[in-house]
Amino acid sequence: MSMQKSHEGEKQLLSINIKESKEYEQEEESKFKCRAKLYRFEKKENKWKERGVGDIQIFQHKTSKRCRVLMRREQTFKVCANHYPASYIKFKQNEGNTKSWIYNVKDFSDGLAKDEILFIRFLKEEDTIKYKKVFEECVEINENLPKKTEETEETEKKEEETEKKEEETEEKTKEVEKKEKTEEKPKEKTEETEKKEEETKEVEKKEKVEEKPKEKTEEEKK
């Protein structure tokens, strides 16, 4: 399989929305976890740059069964590696260093798929061997997952659009209800005020009616 075709396949995998949240990771099972140091090769400067220190993990999603590599920097928990094990990825060691791996990959840690050369250094040789073993097992899992057909993708797209429209409609309904409640409040006050005014008029009218006979009686006395 050529590198270009492999990358095309990887691009399809990366089109799946990968959430950088703990909530998403709760939907995955960890198949490998080990402390390591990660570097990436900076082509412009022609040198290795440290990307982070922390736990590198290989996850498998409980529902889709797709596997991915995820590494977060310790303390900040920012993602510094996020890619799928795929058949085009070839491991090699750094000048005979048995505690490290170097490989080219499409990495998604910055939010977009980028061609990267990564260098992972482990503390123990057994961890280095285990990482490669689990990684290769996950390559097989990912390669054997059922491919999404155009029809399935179209259906999912329509479902997403429908959900989005429903959310927008719900938001608009809430806004209208809120506006109606805001408009009703002054009206209620006005009705209350009108009622009080009517009551006041009735009282005044009654007082006037009661006063008239009193005035008449005084005139008769005169």
N, C-alpha and C. Protein backbone atom coordinates (compact mmCIF):
# COMPACT_ATOMS: atom_id res chain seq x y z
N MET A 1 0.84 -1.21 0.00
CA MET A 1 0.00 0.00 0.00
C MET A 1 0.87 1.25 0.00
N SER A 2 0.60 2.18 -0.91
CA SER A 2 1.43 3.39 -0.99
C SER A 2 1.11 4.32 0.15
N MET A 3 2.10 5.22 0.46
CA MET A 3 1.93 6.18 1.56
C MET A 3 0.74 7.11 1.28
N GLN A 4 0.57 7.51 0.01
CA GLN A 4 -0.50 8.44 -0.34
C GLN A 4 -1.87 7.81 -0.09
N LYS A 5 -2.03 6.53 -0.55
CA LYS A 5 -3.31 5.85 -0.35
C LYS A 5 -3.59 5.62 1.13
N SER A 6 -2.54 5.29 1.86
CA SER A 6 -2.69 5.07 3.31
C SER A 6 -3.12 6.34 4.00
N HIS A 7 -2.53 7.45 3.59
CA HIS A 7 -2.89 8.73 4.18
C HIS A 7 -4.32 9.11 3.85
N GLU A 8 -4.77 8.72 2.66
CA GLU A 8 -6.15 9.00 2.29
C GLU A 8 -7.10 8.26 3.22
N GLY A 9 -6.75 6.99 3.51
CA GLY A 9 -7.55 6.19 4.43
C GLY A 9 -7.55 6.79 5.81
N GLU A 10 -6.39 7.28 6.23
CA GLU A 10 -6.27 7.90 7.56
C GLU A 10 -7.08 9.19 7.63
N LYS A 11 -7.14 9.89 6.52
CA LYS A 11 -7.90 11.14 6.46
C LYS A 11 -9.38 10.86 6.74
N GLN A 12 -9.88 9.73 6.20
CA GLN A 12 -11.27 9.34 6.46
C GLN A 12 -11.49 9.06 7.94
N LEU A 13 -10.52 8.41 8.57
CA LEU A 13 -10.62 8.14 10.01
C LEU A 13 -10.65 9.44 10.79
N LEU A 14 -9.78 10.37 10.38
CA LEU A 14 -9.67 11.63 11.12
C LEU A 14 -10.85 12.55 10.90
N SER A 15 -11.72 12.21 9.93
CA SER A 15 -12.90 13.03 9.70
C SER A 15 -13.91 12.85 10.83
N ILE A 16 -13.71 11.79 11.63
CA ILE A 16 -14.55 11.58 12.81
C ILE A 16 -14.20 12.64 13.84
N ASN A 17 -15.20 13.20 14.44
CA ASN A 17 -14.96 14.26 15.42
C ASN A 17 -14.34 13.71 16.69
N ILE A 18 -13.06 14.05 16.94
CA ILE A 18 -12.38 13.60 18.16
C ILE A 18 -12.49 14.69 19.21
N LYS A 19 -13.18 14.42 20.32
CA LYS A 19 -13.33 15.40 21.38
C LYS A 19 -12.13 15.33 22.31
N GLU A 20 -11.61 16.49 22.67
CA GLU A 20 -10.48 16.53 23.60
C GLU A 20 -11.01 16.70 25.03
N SER A 21 -11.92 15.87 25.42
CA SER A 21 -12.51 16.02 26.74
C SER A 21 -12.45 14.72 27.52
N LYS A 22 -12.43 14.85 28.83
CA LYS A 22 -12.41 13.69 29.71
C LYS A 22 -13.70 12.88 29.52
N GLU A 23 -14.77 13.60 29.17
CA GLU A 23 -16.06 12.96 28.98
C GLU A 23 -15.98 11.93 27.85
N TYR A 24 -15.28 12.29 26.76
CA TYR A 24 -15.14 11.38 25.63
C TYR A 24 -14.27 10.18 26.03
N GLU A 25 -13.22 10.45 26.80
CA GLU A 25 -12.30 9.37 27.21
C GLU A 25 -13.00 8.35 28.11
N GLN A 26 -14.08 8.75 28.76
CA GLN A 26 -14.84 7.83 29.60
C GLN A 26 -15.55 6.78 28.75
N GLU A 27 -15.70 7.07 27.44
CA GLU A 27 -16.34 6.13 26.52
C GLU A 27 -15.31 5.18 25.90
N GLU A 28 -14.06 5.27 26.36
CA GLU A 28 -12.98 4.44 25.82
C GLU A 28 -12.35 3.58 26.92
N GLU A 29 -11.75 2.48 26.48
CA GLU A 29 -11.01 1.60 27.40
C GLU A 29 -9.53 1.70 27.10
N SER A 30 -8.71 1.81 28.14
CA SER A 30 -7.26 1.92 27.94
C SER A 30 -6.64 0.54 27.76
N LYS A 31 -5.94 0.36 26.63
CA LYS A 31 -5.27 -0.92 26.34
C LYS A 31 -3.78 -0.85 26.69
N PHE A 32 -3.29 0.40 26.82
CA PHE A 32 -1.88 0.60 27.18
C PHE A 32 -1.74 1.98 27.81
N LYS A 33 -0.92 2.04 28.87
CA LYS A 33 -0.67 3.32 29.54
C LYS A 33 0.73 3.30 30.13
N CYS A 34 1.54 4.32 29.80
CA CYS A 34 2.90 4.36 30.30
C CYS A 34 3.44 5.79 30.22
N ARG A 35 4.24 6.15 31.19
CA ARG A 35 4.88 7.47 31.18
C ARG A 35 5.98 7.51 30.12
N ALA A 36 6.00 8.63 29.38
CA ALA A 36 6.99 8.75 28.30
C ALA A 36 7.27 10.23 28.01
N LYS A 37 8.26 10.46 27.17
CA LYS A 37 8.60 11.81 26.74
C LYS A 37 8.45 11.86 25.23
N LEU A 38 7.79 12.88 24.73
CA LEU A 38 7.49 12.97 23.30
C LEU A 38 8.20 14.16 22.66
N TYR A 39 8.77 13.90 21.47
CA TYR A 39 9.40 14.94 20.66
C TYR A 39 8.77 14.91 19.26
N ARG A 40 8.85 16.03 18.57
CA ARG A 40 8.48 16.03 17.16
C ARG A 40 9.59 16.71 16.38
N PHE A 41 9.75 16.30 15.13
CA PHE A 41 10.84 16.83 14.33
C PHE A 41 10.39 18.11 13.64
N GLU A 42 11.13 19.20 13.91
CA GLU A 42 10.85 20.50 13.30
C GLU A 42 11.67 20.61 12.01
N LYS A 43 10.98 20.50 10.87
CA LYS A 43 11.66 20.47 9.57
C LYS A 43 12.38 21.78 9.25
N LYS A 44 11.76 22.89 9.55
CA LYS A 44 12.36 24.19 9.23
C LYS A 44 13.68 24.39 9.97
N GLU A 45 13.70 24.00 11.24
CA GLU A 45 14.91 24.17 12.05
C GLU A 45 15.81 22.94 12.01
N ASN A 46 15.30 21.86 11.39
CA ASN A 46 16.04 20.61 11.24
C ASN A 46 16.53 20.06 12.59
N LYS A 47 15.59 20.02 13.55
CA LYS A 47 15.96 19.48 14.87
C LYS A 47 14.72 18.98 15.62
N TRP A 48 14.96 18.17 16.65
CA TRP A 48 13.88 17.64 17.48
C TRP A 48 13.46 18.67 18.52
N LYS A 49 12.15 18.80 18.72
CA LYS A 49 11.63 19.71 19.75
C LYS A 49 10.74 18.93 20.70
N GLU A 50 10.93 19.18 21.97
CA GLU A 50 10.12 18.48 22.98
C GLU A 50 8.66 18.91 22.86
N ARG A 51 7.79 17.91 22.89
CA ARG A 51 6.36 18.20 22.79
C ARG A 51 5.64 18.02 24.12
N GLY A 52 6.19 17.16 24.96
CA GLY A 52 5.57 16.98 26.27
C GLY A 52 6.02 15.74 27.00
N VAL A 53 5.78 15.75 28.32
CA VAL A 53 6.05 14.59 29.18
C VAL A 53 4.74 14.23 29.87
N GLY A 54 4.44 12.93 29.89
CA GLY A 54 3.20 12.50 30.53
C GLY A 54 2.89 11.06 30.19
N ASP A 55 1.64 10.66 30.40
CA ASP A 55 1.21 9.29 30.11
C ASP A 55 0.76 9.18 28.66
N ILE A 56 1.39 8.28 27.91
CA ILE A 56 0.92 7.99 26.56
C ILE A 56 0.02 6.77 26.67
N GLN A 57 -1.15 6.84 26.05
CA GLN A 57 -2.12 5.76 26.17
C GLN A 57 -2.64 5.32 24.80
N ILE A 58 -3.04 4.06 24.73
CA ILE A 58 -3.73 3.55 23.55
C ILE A 58 -5.13 3.17 24.00
N PHE A 59 -6.12 3.84 23.43
CA PHE A 59 -7.52 3.63 23.81
C PHE A 59 -8.27 2.85 22.73
N GLN A 60 -9.32 2.17 23.18
CA GLN A 60 -10.28 1.58 22.24
C GLN A 60 -11.68 2.03 22.64
N HIS A 61 -12.41 2.60 21.67
CA HIS A 61 -13.75 3.09 21.96
C HIS A 61 -14.69 1.91 22.20
N LYS A 62 -15.52 2.04 23.24
CA LYS A 62 -16.39 0.93 23.65
C LYS A 62 -17.45 0.60 22.60
N THR A 63 -17.90 1.60 21.85
CA THR A 63 -18.96 1.38 20.86
C THR A 63 -18.40 1.13 19.46
N SER A 64 -17.61 2.09 18.95
CA SER A 64 -17.10 1.97 17.57
C SER A 64 -15.97 0.96 17.44
N LYS A 65 -15.30 0.65 18.58
CA LYS A 65 -14.16 -0.28 18.65
C LYS A 65 -12.88 0.29 17.99
N ARG A 66 -12.93 1.52 17.53
CA ARG A 66 -11.75 2.11 16.92
C ARG A 66 -10.72 2.46 17.99
N CYS A 67 -9.45 2.23 17.65
CA CYS A 67 -8.36 2.51 18.61
C CYS A 67 -7.64 3.80 18.23
N ARG A 68 -7.10 4.47 19.22
CA ARG A 68 -6.31 5.68 18.96
C ARG A 68 -5.25 5.85 20.02
N VAL A 69 -4.21 6.61 19.69
CA VAL A 69 -3.14 6.95 20.63
C VAL A 69 -3.42 8.35 21.15
N LEU A 70 -3.36 8.51 22.47
CA LEU A 70 -3.58 9.82 23.07
C LEU A 70 -2.54 10.07 24.15
N MET A 71 -1.96 11.24 24.12
CA MET A 71 -1.01 11.63 25.17
C MET A 71 -1.30 13.05 25.60
N ARG A 72 -1.35 13.24 26.92
CA ARG A 72 -1.56 14.58 27.48
C ARG A 72 -0.34 14.98 28.29
N ARG A 73 -0.01 16.27 28.23
CA ARG A 73 1.10 16.78 29.05
C ARG A 73 0.68 16.74 30.52
N GLU A 74 1.59 16.32 31.37
CA GLU A 74 1.28 16.31 32.80
C GLU A 74 1.10 17.75 33.29
N GLN A 75 0.31 17.91 34.32
CA GLN A 75 -0.04 19.19 34.95
C GLN A 75 -1.03 19.99 34.10
N THR A 76 -0.70 20.29 32.83
CA THR A 76 -1.63 21.09 32.01
C THR A 76 -2.70 20.22 31.36
N PHE A 77 -2.42 18.93 31.18
CA PHE A 77 -3.33 17.96 30.54
C PHE A 77 -3.66 18.29 29.09
N LYS A 78 -2.85 19.15 28.48
CA LYS A 78 -3.06 19.50 27.08
C LYS A 78 -2.64 18.34 26.19
N VAL A 79 -3.44 18.06 25.14
CA VAL A 79 -3.15 16.95 24.23
C VAL A 79 -1.90 17.26 23.40
N CYS A 80 -0.96 16.33 23.39
CA CYS A 80 0.26 16.52 22.58
C CYS A 80 0.45 15.41 21.55
N ALA A 81 -0.37 14.36 21.63
CA ALA A 81 -0.39 13.31 20.60
C ALA A 81 -1.80 12.76 20.51
N ASN A 82 -2.30 12.61 19.29
CA ASN A 82 -3.67 12.13 19.09
C ASN A 82 -3.76 11.59 17.66
N HIS A 83 -3.58 10.28 17.50
CA HIS A 83 -3.61 9.70 16.16
C HIS A 83 -4.07 8.24 16.20
N TYR A 84 -4.45 7.75 15.02
CA TYR A 84 -4.92 6.37 14.90
C TYR A 84 -3.79 5.44 14.48
N PRO A 85 -3.67 4.28 15.10
CA PRO A 85 -2.76 3.25 14.59
C PRO A 85 -3.22 2.82 13.20
N ALA A 86 -2.32 2.88 12.21
CA ALA A 86 -2.67 2.52 10.83
C ALA A 86 -1.51 1.76 10.20
N SER A 87 -1.82 1.01 9.15
CA SER A 87 -0.84 0.09 8.55
C SER A 87 0.34 0.80 7.87
N TYR A 88 0.18 2.06 7.49
CA TYR A 88 1.30 2.76 6.82
C TYR A 88 2.39 3.18 7.81
N ILE A 89 2.09 3.17 9.11
CA ILE A 89 3.06 3.62 10.12
C ILE A 89 4.14 2.56 10.35
N LYS A 90 5.38 2.96 10.20
CA LYS A 90 6.51 2.04 10.37
C LYS A 90 7.40 2.53 11.53
N PHE A 91 7.67 1.65 12.47
CA PHE A 91 8.50 1.98 13.63
C PHE A 91 10.00 1.81 13.32
N LYS A 92 10.78 2.71 13.85
CA LYS A 92 12.24 2.52 13.82
C LYS A 92 12.84 3.12 15.09
N GLN A 93 14.01 2.62 15.47
CA GLN A 93 14.63 3.10 16.71
C GLN A 93 15.67 4.17 16.40
N ASN A 94 15.90 5.03 17.39
CA ASN A 94 16.82 6.15 17.22
C ASN A 94 18.26 5.70 17.49
N GLU A 95 18.97 5.41 16.39
CA GLU A 95 20.39 5.02 16.47
C GLU A 95 20.63 3.93 17.51
N GLY A 96 19.81 2.90 17.44
CA GLY A 96 20.00 1.76 18.34
C GLY A 96 19.48 1.95 19.74
N ASN A 97 18.82 3.07 20.03
CA ASN A 97 18.24 3.29 21.35
C ASN A 97 17.03 2.37 21.53
N THR A 98 17.17 1.37 22.39
CA THR A 98 16.12 0.36 22.56
C THR A 98 14.95 0.82 23.43
N LYS A 99 15.00 2.07 23.91
CA LYS A 99 13.90 2.61 24.74
C LYS A 99 13.14 3.71 23.99
N SER A 100 13.18 3.68 22.67
CA SER A 100 12.50 4.74 21.91
C SER A 100 11.97 4.22 20.58
N TRP A 101 10.98 4.97 20.06
CA TRP A 101 10.44 4.69 18.73
C TRP A 101 10.31 6.01 17.96
N ILE A 102 10.58 5.94 16.66
CA ILE A 102 10.35 7.08 15.76
C ILE A 102 9.42 6.60 14.66
N TYR A 103 8.38 7.40 14.36
CA TYR A 103 7.52 7.04 13.22
C TYR A 103 6.83 8.27 12.64
N ASN A 104 6.51 8.17 11.35
CA ASN A 104 5.75 9.22 10.65
C ASN A 104 4.26 8.94 10.84
N VAL A 105 3.50 10.00 11.08
CA VAL A 105 2.07 9.80 11.36
C VAL A 105 1.26 11.05 11.01
N LYS A 106 -0.01 10.82 10.77
CA LYS A 106 -0.96 11.93 10.66
C LYS A 106 -1.48 12.18 12.07
N ASP A 107 -1.05 13.26 12.68
CA ASP A 107 -1.43 13.53 14.07
C ASP A 107 -2.49 14.63 14.12
N PHE A 108 -3.38 14.50 15.10
CA PHE A 108 -4.54 15.38 15.19
C PHE A 108 -4.58 16.19 16.49
N SER A 109 -3.44 16.28 17.18
CA SER A 109 -3.43 16.91 18.51
C SER A 109 -3.70 18.41 18.48
N ASP A 110 -3.42 19.08 17.34
CA ASP A 110 -3.66 20.53 17.24
C ASP A 110 -5.02 20.85 16.64
N GLY A 111 -5.86 19.83 16.46
CA GLY A 111 -7.19 20.07 15.92
C GLY A 111 -7.30 19.78 14.43
N LEU A 112 -6.18 19.76 13.72
CA LEU A 112 -6.15 19.45 12.29
C LEU A 112 -5.15 18.34 12.05
N ALA A 113 -5.42 17.51 11.04
CA ALA A 113 -4.49 16.42 10.71
C ALA A 113 -3.21 17.00 10.12
N LYS A 114 -2.07 16.67 10.74
CA LYS A 114 -0.78 17.16 10.27
C LYS A 114 0.20 16.01 10.12
N ASP A 115 1.03 16.06 9.07
CA ASP A 115 2.10 15.08 8.92
C ASP A 115 3.19 15.39 9.94
N GLU A 116 3.45 14.46 10.82
CA GLU A 116 4.45 14.67 11.87
C GLU A 116 5.42 13.49 11.92
N ILE A 117 6.65 13.79 12.35
CA ILE A 117 7.61 12.73 12.69
C ILE A 117 7.75 12.79 14.20
N LEU A 118 7.30 11.73 14.87
CA LEU A 118 7.30 11.71 16.33
C LEU A 118 8.39 10.78 16.86
N PHE A 119 8.94 11.20 17.98
CA PHE A 119 9.99 10.42 18.67
C PHE A 119 9.52 10.23 20.10
N ILE A 120 9.22 8.97 20.48
CA ILE A 120 8.73 8.67 21.83
C ILE A 120 9.83 7.94 22.59
N ARG A 121 10.17 8.46 23.77
CA ARG A 121 11.21 7.83 24.59
C ARG A 121 10.60 7.33 25.89
N PHE A 122 10.79 6.03 26.14
CA PHE A 122 10.24 5.38 27.34
C PHE A 122 11.32 5.23 28.41
N LEU A 123 10.90 4.92 29.63
CA LEU A 123 11.84 4.72 30.73
C LEU A 123 12.42 3.31 30.72
N LYS A 124 11.59 2.34 30.29
CA LYS A 124 12.02 0.94 30.31
C LYS A 124 11.89 0.32 28.91
N GLU A 125 12.77 -0.62 28.64
CA GLU A 125 12.75 -1.28 27.34
C GLU A 125 11.49 -2.13 27.16
N GLU A 126 11.03 -2.75 28.27
CA GLU A 126 9.83 -3.59 28.17
C GLU A 126 8.58 -2.77 27.81
N ASP A 127 8.55 -1.50 28.28
CA ASP A 127 7.43 -0.62 27.92
C ASP A 127 7.47 -0.28 26.43
N THR A 128 8.68 -0.10 25.91
CA THR A 128 8.88 0.21 24.49
C THR A 128 8.37 -0.94 23.62
N ILE A 129 8.71 -2.15 24.02
CA ILE A 129 8.29 -3.35 23.27
C ILE A 129 6.77 -3.52 23.34
N LYS A 130 6.21 -3.32 24.54
CA LYS A 130 4.77 -3.49 24.74
C LYS A 130 3.97 -2.46 23.94
N TYR A 131 4.47 -1.22 23.90
CA TYR A 131 3.78 -0.16 23.15
C TYR A 131 3.63 -0.56 21.68
N LYS A 132 4.73 -1.01 21.07
CA LYS A 132 4.71 -1.42 19.66
C LYS A 132 3.77 -2.61 19.45
N LYS A 133 3.79 -3.56 20.38
CA LYS A 133 2.94 -4.76 20.28
C LYS A 133 1.45 -4.38 20.29
N VAL A 134 1.06 -3.56 21.28
CA VAL A 134 -0.34 -3.15 21.41
C VAL A 134 -0.74 -2.27 20.21
N PHE A 135 0.19 -1.39 19.79
CA PHE A 135 -0.06 -0.51 18.64
C PHE A 135 -0.38 -1.35 17.40
N GLU A 136 0.43 -2.37 17.14
CA GLU A 136 0.23 -3.22 15.96
C GLU A 136 -1.06 -4.03 16.05
N GLU A 137 -1.44 -4.45 17.26
CA GLU A 137 -2.72 -5.14 17.46
C GLU A 137 -3.88 -4.20 17.10
N CYS A 138 -3.71 -2.94 17.47
CA CYS A 138 -4.75 -1.95 17.21
C CYS A 138 -4.82 -1.56 15.72
N VAL A 139 -3.69 -1.66 15.04
CA VAL A 139 -3.68 -1.44 13.58
C VAL A 139 -4.61 -2.46 12.93
N GLU A 140 -4.48 -3.71 13.34
CA GLU A 140 -5.31 -4.79 12.79
C GLU A 140 -6.78 -4.56 13.10
N ILE A 141 -7.06 -4.12 14.34
CA ILE A 141 -8.45 -3.85 14.74
C ILE A 141 -9.04 -2.75 13.86
N ASN A 142 -8.29 -1.64 13.72
CA ASN A 142 -8.77 -0.51 12.92
C ASN A 142 -8.96 -0.87 11.45
N GLU A 143 -8.02 -1.66 10.91
CA GLU A 143 -8.09 -2.03 9.49
C GLU A 143 -9.28 -2.94 9.20
N ASN A 144 -9.70 -3.72 10.20
CA ASN A 144 -10.80 -4.67 10.00
C ASN A 144 -12.17 -4.13 10.39
N LEU A 145 -12.22 -2.88 10.80
CA LEU A 145 -13.52 -2.29 11.12
C LEU A 145 -14.31 -2.08 9.84
N PRO A 146 -15.64 -2.25 9.90
CA PRO A 146 -16.45 -2.04 8.68
C PRO A 146 -16.34 -0.61 8.19
N LYS A 147 -16.13 -0.47 6.89
CA LYS A 147 -16.00 0.86 6.29
C LYS A 147 -17.38 1.51 6.20
N LYS A 148 -17.39 2.81 6.39
CA LYS A 148 -18.65 3.55 6.25
C LYS A 148 -18.99 3.71 4.77
N THR A 149 -20.21 3.37 4.40
CA THR A 149 -20.63 3.57 3.02
C THR A 149 -21.08 5.01 2.84
N GLU A 150 -21.17 5.43 1.58
CA GLU A 150 -21.62 6.80 1.29
C GLU A 150 -23.03 7.02 1.82
N GLU A 151 -23.86 5.95 1.72
CA GLU A 151 -25.24 6.03 2.20
C GLU A 151 -25.28 6.27 3.70
N THR A 152 -24.43 5.55 4.44
CA THR A 152 -24.37 5.70 5.90
C THR A 152 -23.92 7.10 6.27
N GLU A 153 -22.90 7.60 5.57
CA GLU A 153 -22.39 8.94 5.83
C GLU A 153 -23.45 10.00 5.56
N GLU A 154 -24.21 9.78 4.46
CA GLU A 154 -25.27 10.72 4.10
C GLU A 154 -26.37 10.72 5.15
N THR A 155 -26.71 9.52 5.64
CA THR A 155 -27.75 9.39 6.67
C THR A 155 -27.32 10.10 7.95
N GLU A 156 -26.05 9.88 8.35
CA GLU A 156 -25.52 10.52 9.56
C GLU A 156 -25.51 12.03 9.41
N LYS A 157 -25.17 12.49 8.20
CA LYS A 157 -25.13 13.93 7.94
C LYS A 157 -26.52 14.53 8.08
N LYS A 158 -27.53 13.82 7.53
CA LYS A 158 -28.91 14.30 7.62
C LYS A 158 -29.39 14.32 9.06
N GLU A 159 -29.02 13.28 9.81
CA GLU A 159 -29.39 13.22 11.23
C GLU A 159 -28.80 14.38 12.02
N GLU A 160 -27.54 14.70 11.71
CA GLU A 160 -26.86 15.82 12.38
C GLU A 160 -27.56 17.14 12.05
N GLU A 161 -27.94 17.30 10.75
CA GLU A 161 -28.63 18.52 10.32
C GLU A 161 -29.99 18.64 11.00
N THR A 162 -30.70 17.50 11.10
CA THR A 162 -32.02 17.49 11.77
C THR A 162 -31.88 17.88 13.24
N GLU A 163 -30.89 17.30 13.91
CA GLU A 163 -30.64 17.61 15.33
C GLU A 163 -30.33 19.09 15.50
N LYS A 164 -29.52 19.62 14.57
CA LYS A 164 -29.14 21.03 14.63
C LYS A 164 -30.37 21.93 14.48
N LYS A 165 -31.25 21.56 13.52
CA LYS A 165 -32.47 22.34 13.29
C LYS A 165 -33.38 22.30 14.50
N GLU A 166 -33.50 21.10 15.09
CA GLU A 166 -34.33 20.94 16.30
C GLU A 166 -33.82 21.80 17.45
N GLU A 167 -32.50 21.84 17.60
CA GLU A 167 -31.88 22.67 18.64
C GLU A 167 -32.15 24.15 18.39
N GLU A 168 -32.03 24.56 17.11
CA GLU A 168 -32.28 25.97 16.74
C GLU A 168 -33.73 26.34 17.01
N THR A 169 -34.67 25.42 16.64
CA THR A 169 -36.11 25.64 16.86
C THR A 169 -36.40 25.78 18.35
N GLU A 170 -35.78 24.90 19.14
CA GLU A 170 -35.96 24.92 20.60
C GLU A 170 -35.47 26.24 21.19
N GLU A 171 -34.31 26.70 20.69
CA GLU A 171 -33.75 27.97 21.16
C GLU A 171 -34.67 29.13 20.83
N LYS A 172 -35.20 29.12 19.59
CA LYS A 172 -36.12 30.19 19.15
C LYS A 172 -37.39 30.20 19.99
N THR A 173 -37.91 28.99 20.28
CA THR A 173 -39.13 28.85 21.10
C THR A 173 -38.89 29.43 22.49
N LYS A 174 -37.73 29.14 23.06
CA LYS A 174 -37.38 29.66 24.39
C LYS A 174 -37.30 31.18 24.38
N GLU A 175 -36.71 31.73 23.29
CA GLU A 175 -36.58 33.18 23.16
C GLU A 175 -37.94 33.85 23.07
N VAL A 176 -38.86 33.22 22.27
CA VAL A 176 -40.22 33.77 22.12
C VAL A 176 -40.96 33.75 23.45
N GLU A 177 -40.86 32.61 24.17
CA GLU A 177 -41.52 32.49 25.48
C GLU A 177 -40.99 33.51 26.47
N LYS A 178 -39.67 33.69 26.43
CA LYS A 178 -39.04 34.67 27.32
C LYS A 178 -39.53 36.08 27.01
N LYS A 179 -39.64 36.38 25.69
CA LYS A 179 -40.10 37.70 25.25
C LYS A 179 -41.54 37.95 25.67
N GLU A 180 -42.37 36.89 25.51
CA GLU A 180 -43.78 37.01 25.88
C GLU A 180 -43.95 37.26 27.37
N LYS A 181 -43.15 36.56 28.17
CA LYS A 181 -43.21 36.76 29.63
C LYS A 181 -42.81 38.17 30.01
N THR A 182 -41.78 38.70 29.31
CA THR A 182 -41.30 40.05 29.57
C THR A 182 -42.36 41.07 29.22
N GLU A 183 -43.10 40.81 28.11
CA GLU A 183 -44.15 41.74 27.66
C GLU A 183 -45.37 41.67 28.55
N GLU A 184 -45.62 40.52 29.14
CA GLU A 184 -46.81 40.34 29.98
C GLU A 184 -46.71 41.08 31.30
N LYS A 185 -45.51 41.21 31.84
CA LYS A 185 -45.33 41.82 33.17
C LYS A 185 -45.87 43.24 33.26
N PRO A 186 -45.53 44.15 32.33
CA PRO A 186 -46.08 45.50 32.41
C PRO A 186 -47.60 45.50 32.29
N LYS A 187 -48.13 44.54 31.47
CA LYS A 187 -49.57 44.46 31.27
C LYS A 187 -50.26 44.12 32.59
N GLU A 188 -49.70 43.17 33.31
CA GLU A 188 -50.27 42.78 34.61
C GLU A 188 -50.28 43.96 35.58
N LYS A 189 -49.21 44.73 35.54
CA LYS A 189 -49.10 45.91 36.41
C LYS A 189 -50.18 46.92 36.06
N THR A 190 -50.41 47.11 34.75
CA THR A 190 -51.39 48.08 34.28
C THR A 190 -52.79 47.67 34.74
N GLU A 191 -53.11 46.40 34.61
CA GLU A 191 -54.42 45.90 35.04
C GLU A 191 -54.61 46.10 36.54
N GLU A 192 -53.56 45.87 37.30
CA GLU A 192 -53.60 46.07 38.74
C GLU A 192 -53.85 47.53 39.07
N THR A 193 -53.11 48.39 38.36
CA THR A 193 -53.23 49.83 38.58
C THR A 193 -54.64 50.30 38.25
N GLU A 194 -55.18 49.80 37.11
CA GLU A 194 -56.54 50.17 36.69
C GLU A 194 -57.57 49.74 37.74
N LYS A 195 -57.37 48.57 38.30
CA LYS A 195 -58.28 48.05 39.32
C LYS A 195 -58.27 48.94 40.57
N LYS A 196 -57.04 49.34 40.95
CA LYS A 196 -56.91 50.21 42.13
C LYS A 196 -57.54 51.58 41.88
N GLU A 197 -57.35 52.06 40.64
CA GLU A 197 -57.94 53.36 40.29
C GLU A 197 -59.46 53.30 40.35
N GLU A 198 -60.03 52.19 39.86
CA GLU A 198 -61.49 52.01 39.90
C GLU A 198 -62.00 51.96 41.34
N GLU A 199 -61.24 51.24 42.18
CA GLU A 199 -61.62 51.14 43.60
C GLU A 199 -61.58 52.51 44.26
N THR A 200 -60.52 53.29 43.94
CA THR A 200 -60.37 54.64 44.49
C THR A 200 -61.55 55.52 44.06
N LYS A 201 -61.94 55.41 42.77
CA LYS A 201 -63.07 56.20 42.24
C LYS A 201 -64.35 55.84 42.95
N GLU A 202 -64.54 54.55 43.21
CA GLU A 202 -65.74 54.07 43.89
C GLU A 202 -65.83 54.64 45.30
N VAL A 203 -64.65 54.63 45.98
CA VAL A 203 -64.59 55.16 47.34
C VAL A 203 -64.91 56.65 47.33
N GLU A 204 -64.31 57.39 46.39
CA GLU A 204 -64.55 58.83 46.28
C GLU A 204 -66.02 59.13 45.99
N LYS A 205 -66.59 58.34 45.09
CA LYS A 205 -68.00 58.50 44.72
C LYS A 205 -68.90 58.28 45.94
N LYS A 206 -68.57 57.26 46.73
CA LYS A 206 -69.35 56.91 47.91
C LYS A 206 -69.29 58.03 48.94
N GLU A 207 -68.06 58.57 49.07
CA GLU A 207 -67.86 59.66 50.03
C GLU A 207 -68.68 60.89 49.65
N LYS A 208 -68.73 61.18 48.35
CA LYS A 208 -69.49 62.33 47.86
C LYS A 208 -70.97 62.16 48.11
N VAL A 209 -71.46 60.93 47.90
CA VAL A 209 -72.87 60.61 48.10
C VAL A 209 -73.23 60.78 49.58
N GLU A 210 -72.32 60.39 50.45
CA GLU A 210 -72.56 60.48 51.89
C GLU A 210 -72.51 61.93 52.37
N GLU A 211 -71.67 62.75 51.71
CA GLU A 211 -71.51 64.15 52.10
C GLU A 211 -72.73 65.00 51.74
N LYS A 212 -73.38 64.68 50.63
CA LYS A 212 -74.50 65.50 50.12
C LYS A 212 -75.65 65.63 51.11
N PRO A 213 -76.16 64.58 51.68
CA PRO A 213 -77.27 64.69 52.65
C PRO A 213 -76.86 65.52 53.85
N LYS A 214 -75.61 65.42 54.25
CA LYS A 214 -75.11 66.16 55.40
C LYS A 214 -75.18 67.65 55.13
N GLU A 215 -74.78 68.07 53.96
CA GLU A 215 -74.83 69.49 53.57
C GLU A 215 -76.27 69.97 53.53
N LYS A 216 -77.20 69.15 53.05
CA LYS A 216 -78.59 69.50 52.91
C LYS A 216 -79.23 69.70 54.27
N THR A 217 -78.87 68.88 55.19
CA THR A 217 -79.41 68.95 56.55
C THR A 217 -78.98 70.25 57.20
N GLU A 218 -77.81 70.70 57.03
CA GLU A 218 -77.32 71.96 57.58
C GLU A 218 -78.08 73.14 56.99
N GLU A 219 -78.40 73.05 55.74
CA GLU A 219 -79.14 74.13 55.08
C GLU A 219 -80.54 74.22 55.65
N GLU A 220 -81.17 73.06 55.91
CA GLU A 220 -82.52 73.04 56.46
C GLU A 220 -82.56 73.65 57.86
N LYS A 221 -81.49 73.41 58.61
CA LYS A 221 -81.41 73.98 59.95
C LYS A 221 -81.41 75.49 59.90
N LYS A 222 -80.73 75.99 58.89
CA LYS A 222 -80.67 77.45 58.73
C LYS A 222 -82.03 77.99 58.39
